[in-house]
């Protein structure tokens, strides 16, 4: 699935099946992925140093047919 030129949005990421089962960080027009929460934390620490004025968007996209329970 092709991503539109210009600003990438979280909706573009949600529509793309390649990000299923991953933690996704969207910042400065780039998409970063991690398999674990610890990997996501490392990405956020790096982004804080390299892009201090940007607020990243963070999401976990579950695999198809996953059940997420909230307590």
PDB file of N, CA and C in Angstrom:
ATOM      1  N   UNK A   1       0.844  -1.170   0.000  1.00  0.00           N
ATOM      2  CA  UNK A   1       0.000   0.000   0.000  1.00  0.00           C
ATOM      3  C   UNK A   1       0.890   1.234   0.000  1.00  0.00           C
ATOM      4  N   UNK A   2       0.660   2.119  -0.890  1.00  0.00           N
ATOM      5  CA  UNK A   2       1.476   3.326  -1.004  1.00  0.00           C
ATOM      6  C   UNK A   2       0.984   4.384  -0.037  1.00  0.00           C
ATOM      7  N   UNK A   3       1.920   5.097   0.537  1.00  0.00           N
ATOM      8  CA  UNK A   3       1.594   6.195   1.439  1.00  0.00           C
ATOM      9  C   UNK A   3       1.641   7.480   0.631  1.00  0.00           C
ATOM     10  N   UNK A   4       0.665   8.342   0.890  1.00  0.00           N
ATOM     11  CA  UNK A   4       0.593   9.609   0.174  1.00  0.00           C
ATOM     12  C   UNK A   4       1.858  10.427   0.390  1.00  0.00           C
ATOM     13  N   UNK A   5       2.237  11.159  -0.641  1.00  0.00           N
ATOM     14  CA  UNK A   5       3.373  12.066  -0.488  1.00  0.00           C
ATOM     15  C   UNK A   5       2.946  13.212   0.406  1.00  0.00           C
ATOM     16  N   UNK A   6       3.876  13.706   1.171  1.00  0.00           N
ATOM     17  CA  UNK A   6       3.557  14.786   2.092  1.00  0.00           C
ATOM     18  C   UNK A   6       3.500  14.255   3.507  1.00  0.00           C
ATOM     19  N   UNK A   7       2.570  14.739   4.278  1.00  0.00           N
ATOM     20  CA  UNK A   7       2.481  14.364   5.684  1.00  0.00           C
ATOM     21  C   UNK A   7       1.876  12.973   5.859  1.00  0.00           C
ATOM     22  N   UNK A   8       2.567  12.121   6.580  1.00  0.00           N
ATOM     23  CA  UNK A   8       2.072  10.788   6.909  1.00  0.00           C
ATOM     24  C   UNK A   8       1.231  10.911   8.168  1.00  0.00           C
ATOM     25  N   UNK A   9       0.059  10.309   8.158  1.00  0.00           N
ATOM     26  CA  UNK A   9      -0.814  10.354   9.328  1.00  0.00           C
ATOM     27  C   UNK A   9      -0.919   8.973   9.956  1.00  0.00           C
ATOM     28  N   UNK A  10      -1.398   8.933  11.180  1.00  0.00           N
ATOM     29  CA  UNK A  10      -1.582   7.657  11.856  1.00  0.00           C
ATOM     30  C   UNK A  10      -2.640   6.813  11.135  1.00  0.00           C
ATOM     31  N   UNK A  11      -3.586   7.452  10.477  1.00  0.00           N
ATOM     32  CA  UNK A  11      -4.584   6.699   9.708  1.00  0.00           C
ATOM     33  C   UNK A  11      -3.928   5.953   8.549  1.00  0.00           C
ATOM     34  N   UNK A  12      -2.914   6.539   7.931  1.00  0.00           N
ATOM     35  CA  UNK A  12      -2.160   5.846   6.884  1.00  0.00           C
ATOM     36  C   UNK A  12      -1.491   4.600   7.455  1.00  0.00           C
ATOM     37  N   UNK A  13      -0.971   4.726   8.651  1.00  0.00           N
ATOM     38  CA  UNK A  13      -0.303   3.598   9.305  1.00  0.00           C
ATOM     39  C   UNK A  13      -1.312   2.509   9.646  1.00  0.00           C
ATOM     40  N   UNK A  14      -2.477   2.895  10.186  1.00  0.00           N
ATOM     41  CA  UNK A  14      -3.501   1.917  10.560  1.00  0.00           C
ATOM     42  C   UNK A  14      -3.985   1.114   9.356  1.00  0.00           C
ATOM     43  N   UNK A  15      -4.031   1.724   8.192  1.00  0.00           N
ATOM     44  CA  UNK A  15      -4.523   1.062   6.982  1.00  0.00           C
ATOM     45  C   UNK A  15      -3.506   0.098   6.380  1.00  0.00           C
ATOM     46  N   UNK A  16      -2.243   0.234   6.752  1.00  0.00           N
ATOM     47  CA  UNK A  16      -1.185  -0.568   6.151  1.00  0.00           C
ATOM     48  C   UNK A  16      -0.964  -1.851   6.962  1.00  0.00           C
ATOM     49  N   UNK A  17      -1.195  -3.019   6.365  1.00  0.00           N
ATOM     50  CA  UNK A  17      -1.077  -4.283   7.117  1.00  0.00           C
ATOM     51  C   UNK A  17       0.354  -4.627   7.540  1.00  0.00           C
ATOM     52  N   UNK A  18       1.364  -3.984   6.987  1.00  0.00           N
ATOM     53  CA  UNK A  18       2.742  -4.325   7.354  1.00  0.00           C
ATOM     54  C   UNK A  18       3.082  -3.936   8.783  1.00  0.00           C
ATOM     55  N   UNK A  19       2.277  -3.073   9.403  1.00  0.00           N
ATOM     56  CA  UNK A  19       2.552  -2.624  10.764  1.00  0.00           C
ATOM     57  C   UNK A  19       1.791  -3.425  11.819  1.00  0.00           C
ATOM     58  N   UNK A  20       1.038  -4.434  11.425  1.00  0.00           N
ATOM     59  CA  UNK A  20       0.273  -5.249  12.381  1.00  0.00           C
ATOM     60  C   UNK A  20       1.205  -5.994  13.331  1.00  0.00           C
ATOM     61  N   UNK A  21       0.875  -5.992  14.611  1.00  0.00           N
ATOM     62  CA  UNK A  21       1.678  -6.678  15.613  1.00  0.00           C
ATOM     63  C   UNK A  21       2.893  -5.895  16.055  1.00  0.00           C
ATOM     64  N   UNK A  22       2.942  -4.601  15.753  1.00  0.00           N
ATOM     65  CA  UNK A  22       4.099  -3.782  16.093  1.00  0.00           C
ATOM     66  C   UNK A  22       3.680  -2.521  16.838  1.00  0.00           C
ATOM     67  N   UNK A  23       4.624  -1.987  17.587  1.00  0.00           N
ATOM     68  CA  UNK A  23       4.467  -0.672  18.189  1.00  0.00           C
ATOM     69  C   UNK A  23       4.932   0.333  17.139  1.00  0.00           C
ATOM     70  N   UNK A  24       4.146   1.368  16.923  1.00  0.00           N
ATOM     71  CA  UNK A  24       4.446   2.347  15.883  1.00  0.00           C
ATOM     72  C   UNK A  24       4.584   3.729  16.512  1.00  0.00           C
ATOM     73  N   UNK A  25       5.641   4.424  16.112  1.00  0.00           N
ATOM     74  CA  UNK A  25       5.863   5.799  16.555  1.00  0.00           C
ATOM     75  C   UNK A  25       5.921   6.657  15.295  1.00  0.00           C
ATOM     76  N   UNK A  26       5.102   7.682  15.254  1.00  0.00           N
ATOM     77  CA  UNK A  26       5.064   8.601  14.118  1.00  0.00           C
ATOM     78  C   UNK A  26       5.545   9.963  14.604  1.00  0.00           C
ATOM     79  N   UNK A  27       6.673  10.414  14.034  1.00  0.00           N
ATOM     80  CA  UNK A  27       7.239  11.696  14.451  1.00  0.00           C
ATOM     81  C   UNK A  27       8.034  12.298  13.314  1.00  0.00           C
ATOM     82  N   UNK A  28       7.931  13.586  13.158  1.00  0.00           N
ATOM     83  CA  UNK A  28       8.691  14.332  12.148  1.00  0.00           C
ATOM     84  C   UNK A  28       8.476  13.767  10.747  1.00  0.00           C
ATOM     85  N   UNK A  29       7.262  13.282  10.485  1.00  0.00           N
ATOM     86  CA  UNK A  29       6.938  12.762   9.157  1.00  0.00           C
ATOM     87  C   UNK A  29       7.525  11.399   8.858  1.00  0.00           C
ATOM     88  N   UNK A  30       8.087  10.738   9.872  1.00  0.00           N
ATOM     89  CA  UNK A  30       8.675   9.413   9.682  1.00  0.00           C
ATOM     90  C   UNK A  30       7.988   8.401  10.576  1.00  0.00           C
ATOM     91  N   UNK A  31       8.026   7.144  10.127  1.00  0.00           N
ATOM     92  CA  UNK A  31       7.413   6.046  10.867  1.00  0.00           C
ATOM     93  C   UNK A  31       8.529   5.187  11.447  1.00  0.00           C
ATOM     94  N   UNK A  32       8.469   4.947  12.753  1.00  0.00           N
ATOM     95  CA  UNK A  32       9.421   4.088  13.441  1.00  0.00           C
ATOM     96  C   UNK A  32       8.632   2.923  14.032  1.00  0.00           C
ATOM     97  N   UNK A  33       9.196   1.715  13.983  1.00  0.00           N
ATOM     98  CA  UNK A  33       8.503   0.554  14.535  1.00  0.00           C
ATOM     99  C   UNK A  33       9.395  -0.191  15.512  1.00  0.00           C
ATOM    100  N   UNK A  34       8.751  -0.877  16.454  1.00  0.00           N
ATOM    101  CA  UNK A  34       9.448  -1.711  17.425  1.00  0.00           C
ATOM    102  C   UNK A  34       8.580  -2.926  17.720  1.00  0.00           C
ATOM    103  N   UNK A  35       9.220  -4.016  18.077  1.00  0.00           N
ATOM    104  CA  UNK A  35       8.480  -5.229  18.415  1.00  0.00           C
ATOM    105  C   UNK A  35       8.028  -5.240  19.870  1.00  0.00           C
ATOM    106  N   UNK A  36       8.731  -4.485  20.718  1.00  0.00           N
ATOM    107  CA  UNK A  36       8.425  -4.488  22.150  1.00  0.00           C
ATOM    108  C   UNK A  36       8.237  -3.066  22.668  1.00  0.00           C
ATOM    109  N   UNK A  37       7.688  -2.979  23.851  1.00  0.00           N
ATOM    110  CA  UNK A  37       7.545  -1.686  24.507  1.00  0.00           C
ATOM    111  C   UNK A  37       8.889  -1.083  24.857  1.00  0.00           C
ATOM    112  N   UNK A  38       9.862  -1.937  25.196  1.00  0.00           N
ATOM    113  CA  UNK A  38      11.207  -1.445  25.502  1.00  0.00           C
ATOM    114  C   UNK A  38      11.840  -0.815  24.255  1.00  0.00           C
ATOM    115  N   UNK A  39      11.609  -1.427  23.108  1.00  0.00           N
ATOM    116  CA  UNK A  39      12.113  -0.867  21.856  1.00  0.00           C
ATOM    117  C   UNK A  39      11.477   0.482  21.562  1.00  0.00           C
ATOM    118  N   UNK A  40      10.203   0.590  21.876  1.00  0.00           N
ATOM    119  CA  UNK A  40       9.489   1.851  21.685  1.00  0.00           C
ATOM    120  C   UNK A  40      10.062   2.929  22.600  1.00  0.00           C
ATOM    121  N   UNK A  41      10.362   2.568  23.838  1.00  0.00           N
ATOM    122  CA  UNK A  41      10.946   3.521  24.775  1.00  0.00           C
ATOM    123  C   UNK A  41      12.295   4.026  24.268  1.00  0.00           C
ATOM    124  N   UNK A  42      13.087   3.135  23.683  1.00  0.00           N
ATOM    125  CA  UNK A  42      14.382   3.536  23.137  1.00  0.00           C
ATOM    126  C   UNK A  42      14.203   4.507  21.968  1.00  0.00           C
ATOM    127  N   UNK A  43      13.220   4.238  21.125  1.00  0.00           N
ATOM    128  CA  UNK A  43      12.931   5.143  20.000  1.00  0.00           C
ATOM    129  C   UNK A  43      12.529   6.515  20.532  1.00  0.00           C
ATOM    130  N   UNK A  44      11.666   6.539  21.548  1.00  0.00           N
ATOM    131  CA  UNK A  44      11.209   7.812  22.108  1.00  0.00           C
ATOM    132  C   UNK A  44      12.349   8.599  22.751  1.00  0.00           C
ATOM    133  N   UNK A  45      13.265   7.905  23.417  1.00  0.00           N
ATOM    134  CA  UNK A  45      14.424   8.590  24.010  1.00  0.00           C
ATOM    135  C   UNK A  45      15.286   9.218  22.924  1.00  0.00           C
ATOM    136  N   UNK A  46      15.497   8.487  21.841  1.00  0.00           N
ATOM    137  CA  UNK A  46      16.293   9.013  20.732  1.00  0.00           C
ATOM    138  C   UNK A  46      15.608  10.212  20.094  1.00  0.00           C
ATOM    139  N   UNK A  47      14.298  10.114  19.885  1.00  0.00           N
ATOM    140  CA  UNK A  47      13.557  11.224  19.282  1.00  0.00           C
ATOM    141  C   UNK A  47      13.569  12.461  20.172  1.00  0.00           C
ATOM    142  N   UNK A  48      13.544  12.246  21.481  1.00  0.00           N
ATOM    143  CA  UNK A  48      13.576  13.381  22.410  1.00  0.00           C
ATOM    144  C   UNK A  48      14.880  14.163  22.265  1.00  0.00           C
ATOM    145  N   UNK A  49      15.968  13.449  21.991  1.00  0.00           N
ATOM    146  CA  UNK A  49      17.268  14.104  21.815  1.00  0.00           C
ATOM    147  C   UNK A  49      17.398  14.748  20.443  1.00  0.00           C
ATOM    148  N   UNK A  50      16.920  14.064  19.397  1.00  0.00           N
ATOM    149  CA  UNK A  50      17.111  14.563  18.030  1.00  0.00           C
ATOM    150  C   UNK A  50      16.055  15.572  17.600  1.00  0.00           C
ATOM    151  N   UNK A  51      14.829  15.456  18.132  1.00  0.00           N
ATOM    152  CA  UNK A  51      13.725  16.356  17.766  1.00  0.00           C
ATOM    153  C   UNK A  51      13.010  16.810  19.040  1.00  0.00           C
ATOM    154  N   UNK A  52      13.643  17.669  19.836  1.00  0.00           N
ATOM    155  CA  UNK A  52      13.066  18.026  21.138  1.00  0.00           C
ATOM    156  C   UNK A  52      11.722  18.747  21.080  1.00  0.00           C
ATOM    157  N   UNK A  53      11.398  19.420  19.994  1.00  0.00           N
ATOM    158  CA  UNK A  53      10.156  20.184  19.926  1.00  0.00           C
ATOM    159  C   UNK A  53       8.968  19.417  19.360  1.00  0.00           C
ATOM    160  N   UNK A  54       9.156  18.150  19.036  1.00  0.00           N
ATOM    161  CA  UNK A  54       8.096  17.377  18.381  1.00  0.00           C
ATOM    162  C   UNK A  54       7.444  16.427  19.375  1.00  0.00           C
ATOM    163  N   UNK A  55       6.118  16.345  19.309  1.00  0.00           N
ATOM    164  CA  UNK A  55       5.372  15.390  20.116  1.00  0.00           C
ATOM    165  C   UNK A  55       5.029  14.192  19.239  1.00  0.00           C
ATOM    166  N   UNK A  56       5.600  13.019  19.511  1.00  0.00           N
ATOM    167  CA  UNK A  56       5.331  11.851  18.672  1.00  0.00           C
ATOM    168  C   UNK A  56       3.971  11.231  18.980  1.00  0.00           C
ATOM    169  N   UNK A  57       3.427  10.545  17.986  1.00  0.00           N
ATOM    170  CA  UNK A  57       2.213   9.756  18.168  1.00  0.00           C
ATOM    171  C   UNK A  57       2.654   8.310  18.336  1.00  0.00           C
ATOM    172  N   UNK A  58       2.094   7.621  19.327  1.00  0.00           N
ATOM    173  CA  UNK A  58       2.493   6.248  19.621  1.00  0.00           C
ATOM    174  C   UNK A  58       1.248   5.367  19.634  1.00  0.00           C
ATOM    175  N   UNK A  59       1.358   4.190  18.999  1.00  0.00           N
ATOM    176  CA  UNK A  59       0.237   3.258  18.981  1.00  0.00           C
ATOM    177  C   UNK A  59       0.769   1.838  18.854  1.00  0.00           C
ATOM    178  N   UNK A  60      -0.028   0.885  19.330  1.00  0.00           N
ATOM    179  CA  UNK A  60       0.245  -0.527  19.094  1.00  0.00           C
ATOM    180  C   UNK A  60      -0.853  -1.037  18.183  1.00  0.00           C
ATOM    181  N   UNK A  61      -0.471  -1.655  17.092  1.00  0.00           N
ATOM    182  CA  UNK A  61      -1.446  -2.211  16.161  1.00  0.00           C
ATOM    183  C   UNK A  61      -1.476  -3.715  16.344  1.00  0.00           C
ATOM    184  N   UNK A  62      -2.529  -4.244  16.940  1.00  0.00           N
ATOM    185  CA  UNK A  62      -2.580  -5.689  17.181  1.00  0.00           C
ATOM    186  C   UNK A  62      -2.672  -6.470  15.879  1.00  0.00           C
ATOM    187  N   UNK A  63      -2.242  -7.720  15.955  1.00  0.00           N
ATOM    188  CA  UNK A  63      -2.377  -8.599  14.803  1.00  0.00           C
ATOM    189  C   UNK A  63      -3.860  -8.873  14.576  1.00  0.00           C
ATOM    190  N   UNK A  64      -4.174  -9.332  13.386  1.00  0.00           N
ATOM    191  CA  UNK A  64      -5.556  -9.654  13.061  1.00  0.00           C
ATOM    192  C   UNK A  64      -6.061 -10.722  14.029  1.00  0.00           C
ATOM    193  N   UNK A  65      -7.286 -10.596  14.438  1.00  0.00           N
ATOM    194  CA  UNK A  65      -7.954 -11.519  15.347  1.00  0.00           C
ATOM    195  C   UNK A  65      -7.351 -11.539  16.745  1.00  0.00           C
ATOM    196  N   UNK A  66      -6.762 -10.431  17.173  1.00  0.00           N
ATOM    197  CA  UNK A  66      -6.244 -10.324  18.533  1.00  0.00           C
ATOM    198  C   UNK A  66      -7.333  -9.758  19.432  1.00  0.00           C
ATOM    199  N   UNK A  67      -7.297 -10.177  20.661  1.00  0.00           N
ATOM    200  CA  UNK A  67      -8.244  -9.672  21.643  1.00  0.00           C
ATOM    201  C   UNK A  67      -7.476  -8.865  22.671  1.00  0.00           C
ATOM    202  N   UNK A  68      -7.882  -7.618  22.858  1.00  0.00           N
ATOM    203  CA  UNK A  68      -7.232  -6.746  23.827  1.00  0.00           C
ATOM    204  C   UNK A  68      -8.179  -6.576  25.014  1.00  0.00           C
ATOM    205  N   UNK A  69      -7.724  -6.927  26.194  1.00  0.00           N
ATOM    206  CA  UNK A  69      -8.546  -6.808  27.395  1.00  0.00           C
ATOM    207  C   UNK A  69      -8.084  -5.604  28.212  1.00  0.00           C
ATOM    208  N   UNK A  70      -9.031  -4.803  28.655  1.00  0.00           N
ATOM    209  CA  UNK A  70      -8.743  -3.642  29.497  1.00  0.00           C
ATOM    210  C   UNK A  70      -9.287  -3.902  30.884  1.00  0.00           C
ATOM    211  N   UNK A  71      -8.536  -3.497  31.862  1.00  0.00           N
ATOM    212  CA  UNK A  71      -9.003  -3.682  33.238  1.00  0.00           C
ATOM    213  C   UNK A  71      -9.198  -2.334  33.878  1.00  0.00           C
TER     214      UNK A  71
END
